[in-house]
Each structure stands twice: as C-alpha cells, then as structure tokens.
C-alpha cells in the first residue's frame, strides 16, 4: 500500500464552514482510501473530486456508505451536512450541456454543504433569448455560478442583467484557441461587467466554496 503523508485540515468545517475536499485525479486508490478512513474516524464529511469510475468502484468496495456521482466525477462518504435553507439558494448556470461536468461538481459540492442549489442548463449567448427566458428564475438566487466554455461570454451577460454576485467558471470546451479553457478564462478576466468574480478553469468546487463564503458573509 502506498501511504500518503497528507495532513488533513480536520478543523476546516468548524473554522470556515467548508469541508476539505480530496483531489482524486492524481492520487492512488490506497491513498484516497487512507484519507477517507481518517475523515471517517474524525466523523468529518468526505468529498473526493475528479475521480474516475475505476477508482470509484474500488473505493466503494472498501466503504459501504460511499457514493459515486458520475456526472460530477465525485465520490462522497456518509451523509451531507444539515440543510441551511436560511442561507438561500445558489443557481448553477451553463452555457451548454458540454459544461455539465463542471456544473455538476459545483452543484454537488454545494449540496454536500447543505446549500439549496439547482442547475439551469444550456442558456448560452449564441441564443440570447434562452438567457432572457430564465431571468425570472435566476433572480431568485442569492448567488449565481456561471459555467461557460468557448469565449466565455455568458457570465458577463448575466452580470450585466442581474445584481446578485456572479462567479464565472471557465470551462475547457471549444474548438481551436478555445480548447483548454484559456480563451474563456481570459474573456472572463477581461470582462466589462463590474464585480464579476472568476475562478480557475473547470474549478466547479472552487466556485462552490466561493459561493459559500459569500452566503456566510
């Protein structure tokens, strides 16, 4: 067994209101299992991000209360945090259905922390009427997380129409120079919409944690 020297932040939820997520993509099954065991012993919530189905199957054989969320590429252990309805709702918006993996990661991370959340799919700016059709629904959110690839214009459009905090998530989807998400990242960072917040490429989890910070402020 390949041991990990991970030093877990078991006080993070008490200190910040956020669980310590486990990055699964570059860890072995044994390393993930060891961390999960420590979290379980500490009676802490466990969320593994970027985990593939093969690793997830192996982990589920070791932990009977583990659950694999394929759309989000995440694995959870145990039960989510108690619902915090008083904090309000976060809506996760996508430009297209290709952004769903990132959006689902954000949605799951929020739900795992007890935050009410919903995904609104496929309202990209290539059909601006689709955005306008959803404005009434989007106005009900306390915070909006907007995931978009290609040129990444959707967060700018929504920030110009609604007053809530908007967190842009560039997604690594698109042809040519768009591929890798750098065009979307640059577009969001250069946005003319004042106050638009931007996280790293494909970082649905990070966007969810930013939303929680805003809700708890």
C-alpha atoms as a PDB file:
ATOM      1  CA  UNK A   1       0.000   0.000   0.000  1.00  0.00           C
ATOM      2  CA  UNK A   2       1.316   3.429  -0.975  1.00  0.00           C
ATOM      3  CA  UNK A   3       0.924   5.596   2.086  1.00  0.00           C
ATOM      4  CA  UNK A   4       0.194   9.288   1.866  1.00  0.00           C
ATOM      5  CA  UNK A   5       1.719  11.903   4.151  1.00  0.00           C
ATOM      6  CA  UNK A   6      -1.414  14.047   3.875  1.00  0.00           C
ATOM      7  CA  UNK A   7      -2.000  16.314   6.861  1.00  0.00           C
ATOM      8  CA  UNK A   8      -5.743  16.743   6.954  1.00  0.00           C
ATOM      9  CA  UNK A   9      -7.363  20.005   7.966  1.00  0.00           C
ATOM     10  CA  UNK A  10      -9.971  18.477  10.240  1.00  0.00           C
ATOM     11  CA  UNK A  11     -10.949  21.871  11.664  1.00  0.00           C
ATOM     12  CA  UNK A  12     -11.759  23.484   8.296  1.00  0.00           C
ATOM     13  CA  UNK A  13     -15.521  22.985   8.506  1.00  0.00           C
ATOM     14  CA  UNK A  14     -15.624  24.424  12.025  1.00  0.00           C
ATOM     15  CA  UNK A  15     -13.310  27.290  11.085  1.00  0.00           C
ATOM     16  CA  UNK A  16     -14.554  28.149   7.586  1.00  0.00           C
ATOM     17  CA  UNK A  17     -17.778  26.204   7.110  1.00  0.00           C
ATOM     18  CA  UNK A  18     -16.222  24.116   4.317  1.00  0.00           C
ATOM     19  CA  UNK A  19     -15.103  20.507   4.195  1.00  0.00           C
ATOM     20  CA  UNK A  20     -11.633  19.594   3.000  1.00  0.00           C
ATOM     21  CA  UNK A  21     -12.051  18.082  -0.463  1.00  0.00           C
ATOM     22  CA  UNK A  22      -9.758  15.318  -1.701  1.00  0.00           C
ATOM     23  CA  UNK A  23      -8.279  15.753  -5.179  1.00  0.00           C
ATOM     24  CA  UNK A  24      -8.727  12.270  -6.618  1.00  0.00           C
ATOM     25  CA  UNK A  25      -7.231  12.506 -10.093  1.00  0.00           C
ATOM     26  CA  UNK A  26      -3.566  12.175  -9.110  1.00  0.00           C
ATOM     27  CA  UNK A  27      -3.961  10.017  -6.015  1.00  0.00           C
ATOM     28  CA  UNK A  28      -3.921   6.235  -5.911  1.00  0.00           C
ATOM     29  CA  UNK A  29      -6.819   4.155  -4.631  1.00  0.00           C
ATOM     30  CA  UNK A  30      -4.842   3.336  -1.495  1.00  0.00           C
ATOM     31  CA  UNK A  31      -4.043   6.981  -0.830  1.00  0.00           C
ATOM     32  CA  UNK A  32      -7.671   8.036  -1.221  1.00  0.00           C
ATOM     33  CA  UNK A  33      -8.833   5.173   0.989  1.00  0.00           C
ATOM     34  CA  UNK A  34      -6.360   6.126   3.716  1.00  0.00           C
ATOM     35  CA  UNK A  35      -7.578   9.734   3.741  1.00  0.00           C
ATOM     36  CA  UNK A  36     -11.224   8.659   3.749  1.00  0.00           C
ATOM     37  CA  UNK A  37     -10.571   6.391   6.707  1.00  0.00           C
ATOM     38  CA  UNK A  38      -9.067   9.296   8.669  1.00  0.00           C
ATOM     39  CA  UNK A  39     -12.014  11.533   7.831  1.00  0.00           C
ATOM     40  CA  UNK A  40     -14.456   8.801   8.812  1.00  0.00           C
ATOM     41  CA  UNK A  41     -12.703   8.290  12.140  1.00  0.00           C
ATOM     42  CA  UNK A  42     -12.897  12.041  12.776  1.00  0.00           C
ATOM     43  CA  UNK A  43     -16.616  11.984  11.902  1.00  0.00           C
ATOM     44  CA  UNK A  44     -15.969  14.524   9.149  1.00  0.00           C
ATOM     45  CA  UNK A  45     -17.684  14.875   5.781  1.00  0.00           C
ATOM     46  CA  UNK A  46     -15.771  13.488   2.833  1.00  0.00           C
ATOM     47  CA  UNK A  47     -15.807  14.713  -0.752  1.00  0.00           C
ATOM     48  CA  UNK A  48     -13.452  13.342  -3.412  1.00  0.00           C
ATOM     49  CA  UNK A  49     -13.274  15.363  -6.637  1.00  0.00           C
ATOM     50  CA  UNK A  50     -12.016  14.340 -10.081  1.00  0.00           C
ATOM     51  CA  UNK A  51     -12.279  10.623  -9.535  1.00  0.00           C
ATOM     52  CA  UNK A  52     -12.766   8.172 -12.395  1.00  0.00           C
ATOM     53  CA  UNK A  53     -15.235   5.239 -12.361  1.00  0.00           C
ATOM     54  CA  UNK A  54     -12.499   2.614 -11.862  1.00  0.00           C
ATOM     55  CA  UNK A  55     -11.162   4.266  -8.710  1.00  0.00           C
ATOM     56  CA  UNK A  56     -14.699   4.913  -7.503  1.00  0.00           C
ATOM     57  CA  UNK A  57     -15.645   1.228  -7.842  1.00  0.00           C
ATOM     58  CA  UNK A  58     -12.604   0.189  -5.836  1.00  0.00           C
ATOM     59  CA  UNK A  59     -13.352   2.730  -3.097  1.00  0.00           C
ATOM     60  CA  UNK A  60     -16.992   1.625  -2.896  1.00  0.00           C
ATOM     61  CA  UNK A  61     -15.821  -1.933  -2.188  1.00  0.00           C
ATOM     62  CA  UNK A  62     -13.887  -0.612   0.808  1.00  0.00           C
ATOM     63  CA  UNK A  63     -16.531   1.790   2.156  1.00  0.00           C
ATOM     64  CA  UNK A  64     -20.153   0.639   2.032  1.00  0.00           C
ATOM     65  CA  UNK A  65     -21.527   4.156   2.555  1.00  0.00           C
ATOM     66  CA  UNK A  66     -19.502   5.663  -0.313  1.00  0.00           C
ATOM     67  CA  UNK A  67     -21.451   7.018  -3.283  1.00  0.00           C
ATOM     68  CA  UNK A  68     -20.110   7.794  -6.761  1.00  0.00           C
ATOM     69  CA  UNK A  69     -21.667  10.782  -8.544  1.00  0.00           C
ATOM     70  CA  UNK A  70     -20.750  10.070 -12.150  1.00  0.00           C
ATOM     71  CA  UNK A  71     -21.989  13.348 -13.659  1.00  0.00           C
ATOM     72  CA  UNK A  72     -19.852  15.312 -11.205  1.00  0.00           C
ATOM     73  CA  UNK A  73     -16.880  12.917 -11.272  1.00  0.00           C
ATOM     74  CA  UNK A  74     -17.009  12.974  -7.456  1.00  0.00           C
ATOM     75  CA  UNK A  75     -17.336  10.480  -4.617  1.00  0.00           C
ATOM     76  CA  UNK A  76     -18.879  11.180  -1.223  1.00  0.00           C
ATOM     77  CA  UNK A  77     -18.750   9.249   2.019  1.00  0.00           C
ATOM     78  CA  UNK A  78     -21.585   9.366   4.527  1.00  0.00           C
ATOM     79  CA  UNK A  79     -24.379  11.923   4.672  1.00  0.00           C
ATOM     80  CA  UNK A  80     -24.289  15.595   3.582  1.00  0.00           C
ATOM     81  CA  UNK A  81     -24.324  18.497   6.026  1.00  0.00           C
ATOM     82  CA  UNK A  82     -27.600  19.618   7.544  1.00  0.00           C
ATOM     83  CA  UNK A  83     -29.687  21.788   5.236  1.00  0.00           C
ATOM     84  CA  UNK A  84     -29.049  25.532   5.630  1.00  0.00           C
ATOM     85  CA  UNK A  85     -32.174  26.926   3.972  1.00  0.00           C
ATOM     86  CA  UNK A  86     -31.768  30.284   5.687  1.00  0.00           C
ATOM     87  CA  UNK A  87     -28.688  30.990   3.558  1.00  0.00           C
ATOM     88  CA  UNK A  88     -30.738  30.955   0.363  1.00  0.00           C
ATOM     89  CA  UNK A  89     -30.214  29.285  -2.988  1.00  0.00           C
ATOM     90  CA  UNK A  90     -27.287  29.135  -5.397  1.00  0.00           C
ATOM     91  CA  UNK A  91     -28.142  28.527  -9.050  1.00  0.00           C
ATOM     92  CA  UNK A  92     -25.507  26.985 -11.297  1.00  0.00           C
ATOM     93  CA  UNK A  93     -25.901  28.062 -14.928  1.00  0.00           C
ATOM     94  CA  UNK A  94     -24.238  26.553 -18.005  1.00  0.00           C
ATOM     95  CA  UNK A  95     -23.709  27.897 -21.493  1.00  0.00           C
ATOM     96  CA  UNK A  96     -24.168  24.413 -22.973  1.00  0.00           C
ATOM     97  CA  UNK A  97     -24.666  20.787 -21.992  1.00  0.00           C
ATOM     98  CA  UNK A  98     -20.915  20.213 -22.504  1.00  0.00           C
ATOM     99  CA  UNK A  99     -20.341  22.286 -19.360  1.00  0.00           C
ATOM    100  CA  UNK A 100     -22.337  19.840 -17.228  1.00  0.00           C
ATOM    101  CA  UNK A 101     -19.364  18.009 -15.654  1.00  0.00           C
ATOM    102  CA  UNK A 102     -18.064  21.232 -14.120  1.00  0.00           C
ATOM    103  CA  UNK A 103     -21.526  22.469 -13.177  1.00  0.00           C
ATOM    104  CA  UNK A 104     -22.385  19.143 -11.546  1.00  0.00           C
ATOM    105  CA  UNK A 105     -19.220  19.313  -9.433  1.00  0.00           C
ATOM    106  CA  UNK A 106     -20.243  22.757  -8.189  1.00  0.00           C
ATOM    107  CA  UNK A 107     -23.831  21.672  -7.548  1.00  0.00           C
ATOM    108  CA  UNK A 108     -22.773  18.564  -5.615  1.00  0.00           C
ATOM    109  CA  UNK A 109     -20.235  20.487  -3.519  1.00  0.00           C
ATOM    110  CA  UNK A 110     -22.933  22.990  -2.550  1.00  0.00           C
ATOM    111  CA  UNK A 111     -25.496  20.299  -1.785  1.00  0.00           C
ATOM    112  CA  UNK A 112     -22.911  18.421   0.282  1.00  0.00           C
ATOM    113  CA  UNK A 113     -22.598  21.525   2.463  1.00  0.00           C
ATOM    114  CA  UNK A 114     -26.363  21.773   2.938  1.00  0.00           C
ATOM    115  CA  UNK A 115     -26.860  24.622   0.465  1.00  0.00           C
ATOM    116  CA  UNK A 116     -30.007  24.686  -1.655  1.00  0.00           C
ATOM    117  CA  UNK A 117     -28.984  24.565  -5.298  1.00  0.00           C
ATOM    118  CA  UNK A 118     -30.199  23.951  -8.827  1.00  0.00           C
ATOM    119  CA  UNK A 119     -28.615  23.634 -12.287  1.00  0.00           C
ATOM    120  CA  UNK A 120     -30.019  25.599 -15.212  1.00  0.00           C
ATOM    121  CA  UNK A 121     -28.599  24.063 -18.393  1.00  0.00           C
ATOM    122  CA  UNK A 122     -27.924  25.286 -21.906  1.00  0.00           C
ATOM    123  CA  UNK A 123     -28.602  29.029 -21.845  1.00  0.00           C
ATOM    124  CA  UNK A 124     -25.570  30.134 -23.869  1.00  0.00           C
ATOM    125  CA  UNK A 125     -25.289  33.524 -25.548  1.00  0.00           C
ATOM    126  CA  UNK A 126     -25.430  32.021 -29.049  1.00  0.00           C
ATOM    127  CA  UNK A 127     -29.198  32.091 -28.447  1.00  0.00           C
ATOM    128  CA  UNK A 128     -29.624  35.133 -26.234  1.00  0.00           C
ATOM    129  CA  UNK A 129     -33.361  34.528 -25.866  1.00  0.00           C
ATOM    130  CA  UNK A 130     -32.528  31.451 -23.798  1.00  0.00           C
ATOM    131  CA  UNK A 131     -30.843  33.629 -21.183  1.00  0.00           C
ATOM    132  CA  UNK A 132     -33.678  36.149 -21.175  1.00  0.00           C
ATOM    133  CA  UNK A 133     -36.228  33.365 -20.736  1.00  0.00           C
ATOM    134  CA  UNK A 134     -34.525  32.315 -17.486  1.00  0.00           C
ATOM    135  CA  UNK A 135     -34.065  35.738 -15.875  1.00  0.00           C
ATOM    136  CA  UNK A 136     -37.143  35.456 -13.653  1.00  0.00           C
ATOM    137  CA  UNK A 137     -35.856  32.148 -12.284  1.00  0.00           C
ATOM    138  CA  UNK A 138     -32.274  33.369 -11.891  1.00  0.00           C
ATOM    139  CA  UNK A 139     -33.369  36.441  -9.914  1.00  0.00           C
ATOM    140  CA  UNK A 140     -34.419  34.138  -7.065  1.00  0.00           C
ATOM    141  CA  UNK A 141     -30.835  33.043  -6.391  1.00  0.00           C
ATOM    142  CA  UNK A 142     -28.618  34.635  -3.741  1.00  0.00           C
ATOM    143  CA  UNK A 143     -25.523  33.744  -5.790  1.00  0.00           C
ATOM    144  CA  UNK A 144     -25.067  32.609  -9.395  1.00  0.00           C
ATOM    145  CA  UNK A 145     -22.316  30.303 -10.615  1.00  0.00           C
ATOM    146  CA  UNK A 146     -21.991  30.555 -14.394  1.00  0.00           C
ATOM    147  CA  UNK A 147     -20.009  27.896 -16.283  1.00  0.00           C
ATOM    148  CA  UNK A 148     -19.057  28.593 -19.900  1.00  0.00           C
ATOM    149  CA  UNK A 149     -16.527  27.450 -22.473  1.00  0.00           C
ATOM    150  CA  UNK A 150     -15.767  28.809 -25.965  1.00  0.00           C
ATOM    151  CA  UNK A 151     -15.240  32.587 -25.498  1.00  0.00           C
ATOM    152  CA  UNK A 152     -16.806  32.505 -22.025  1.00  0.00           C
ATOM    153  CA  UNK A 153     -19.198  35.428 -22.552  1.00  0.00           C
ATOM    154  CA  UNK A 154     -22.163  34.147 -20.541  1.00  0.00           C
ATOM    155  CA  UNK A 155     -21.029  35.385 -17.084  1.00  0.00           C
ATOM    156  CA  UNK A 156     -20.555  38.897 -18.482  1.00  0.00           C
ATOM    157  CA  UNK A 157     -24.050  38.913 -19.977  1.00  0.00           C
ATOM    158  CA  UNK A 158     -25.666  37.665 -16.767  1.00  0.00           C
ATOM    159  CA  UNK A 159     -23.634  40.105 -14.642  1.00  0.00           C
ATOM    160  CA  UNK A 160     -24.964  42.931 -16.799  1.00  0.00           C
ATOM    161  CA  UNK A 161     -28.569  41.856 -16.286  1.00  0.00           C
ATOM    162  CA  UNK A 162     -28.718  40.780 -12.634  1.00  0.00           C
ATOM    163  CA  UNK A 163     -27.456  42.330  -9.392  1.00  0.00           C
ATOM    164  CA  UNK A 164     -26.507  39.177  -7.464  1.00  0.00           C
ATOM    165  CA  UNK A 165     -22.888  38.071  -7.069  1.00  0.00           C
ATOM    166  CA  UNK A 166     -21.856  36.129 -10.194  1.00  0.00           C
ATOM    167  CA  UNK A 167     -18.979  33.641 -10.138  1.00  0.00           C
ATOM    168  CA  UNK A 168     -17.653  32.773 -13.578  1.00  0.00           C
ATOM    169  CA  UNK A 169     -16.183  29.328 -14.223  1.00  0.00           C
ATOM    170  CA  UNK A 170     -14.253  28.979 -17.496  1.00  0.00           C
ATOM    171  CA  UNK A 171     -14.729  25.511 -18.981  1.00  0.00           C
ATOM    172  CA  UNK A 172     -12.232  23.681 -21.179  1.00  0.00           C
ATOM    173  CA  UNK A 173     -14.687  23.257 -24.068  1.00  0.00           C
ATOM    174  CA  UNK A 174     -14.385  24.607 -27.603  1.00  0.00           C
ATOM    175  CA  UNK A 175     -12.565  24.489 -30.912  1.00  0.00           C
ATOM    176  CA  UNK A 176      -9.025  25.676 -31.622  1.00  0.00           C
ATOM    177  CA  UNK A 177      -7.909  28.529 -29.380  1.00  0.00           C
ATOM    178  CA  UNK A 178     -10.901  27.883 -27.111  1.00  0.00           C
ATOM    179  CA  UNK A 179      -9.655  24.397 -26.237  1.00  0.00           C
ATOM    180  CA  UNK A 180      -8.263  24.166 -22.732  1.00  0.00           C
ATOM    181  CA  UNK A 181     -10.468  26.958 -21.429  1.00  0.00           C
ATOM    182  CA  UNK A 182      -7.829  29.711 -21.647  1.00  0.00           C
ATOM    183  CA  UNK A 183      -9.888  31.826 -24.043  1.00  0.00           C
ATOM    184  CA  UNK A 184     -12.876  31.641 -21.677  1.00  0.00           C
ATOM    185  CA  UNK A 185     -10.643  32.454 -18.700  1.00  0.00           C
ATOM    186  CA  UNK A 186      -9.114  35.464 -20.440  1.00  0.00           C
ATOM    187  CA  UNK A 187     -12.527  36.683 -21.574  1.00  0.00           C
ATOM    188  CA  UNK A 188     -13.976  36.474 -18.069  1.00  0.00           C
ATOM    189  CA  UNK A 189     -10.957  38.183 -16.509  1.00  0.00           C
ATOM    190  CA  UNK A 190     -11.211  40.959 -19.105  1.00  0.00           C
ATOM    191  CA  UNK A 191     -14.974  41.298 -18.628  1.00  0.00           C
ATOM    192  CA  UNK A 192     -16.525  44.759 -18.789  1.00  0.00           C
ATOM    193  CA  UNK A 193     -19.130  43.690 -16.202  1.00  0.00           C
ATOM    194  CA  UNK A 194     -18.010  45.249 -12.882  1.00  0.00           C
ATOM    195  CA  UNK A 195     -17.748  42.882  -9.949  1.00  0.00           C
ATOM    196  CA  UNK A 196     -17.684  39.591 -11.879  1.00  0.00           C
ATOM    197  CA  UNK A 197     -15.717  37.010  -9.883  1.00  0.00           C
ATOM    198  CA  UNK A 198     -13.712  34.357 -11.752  1.00  0.00           C
ATOM    199  CA  UNK A 199     -12.201  31.049 -10.611  1.00  0.00           C
ATOM    200  CA  UNK A 200      -9.741  28.750 -12.349  1.00  0.00           C
ATOM    201  CA  UNK A 201     -10.544  26.634 -15.409  1.00  0.00           C
ATOM    202  CA  UNK A 202     -13.015  23.782 -14.694  1.00  0.00           C
ATOM    203  CA  UNK A 203     -12.935  24.598 -10.965  1.00  0.00           C
ATOM    204  CA  UNK A 204     -16.537  23.869 -10.027  1.00  0.00           C
ATOM    205  CA  UNK A 205     -15.565  23.022  -6.456  1.00  0.00           C
ATOM    206  CA  UNK A 206     -13.737  26.325  -6.021  1.00  0.00           C
ATOM    207  CA  UNK A 207     -16.727  28.247  -7.332  1.00  0.00           C
ATOM    208  CA  UNK A 208     -18.983  26.451  -4.856  1.00  0.00           C
ATOM    209  CA  UNK A 209     -16.691  27.352  -1.951  1.00  0.00           C
ATOM    210  CA  UNK A 210     -16.605  30.998  -3.094  1.00  0.00           C
ATOM    211  CA  UNK A 211     -20.411  30.998  -3.122  1.00  0.00           C
ATOM    212  CA  UNK A 212     -20.493  29.602   0.420  1.00  0.00           C
ATOM    213  CA  UNK A 213     -18.154  32.350   1.613  1.00  0.00           C
ATOM    214  CA  UNK A 214     -20.494  34.956   0.105  1.00  0.00           C
ATOM    215  CA  UNK A 215     -23.588  33.353   1.664  1.00  0.00           C
ATOM    216  CA  UNK A 216     -21.984  33.239   5.098  1.00  0.00           C
ATOM    217  CA  UNK A 217     -20.565  36.767   4.985  1.00  0.00           C
END
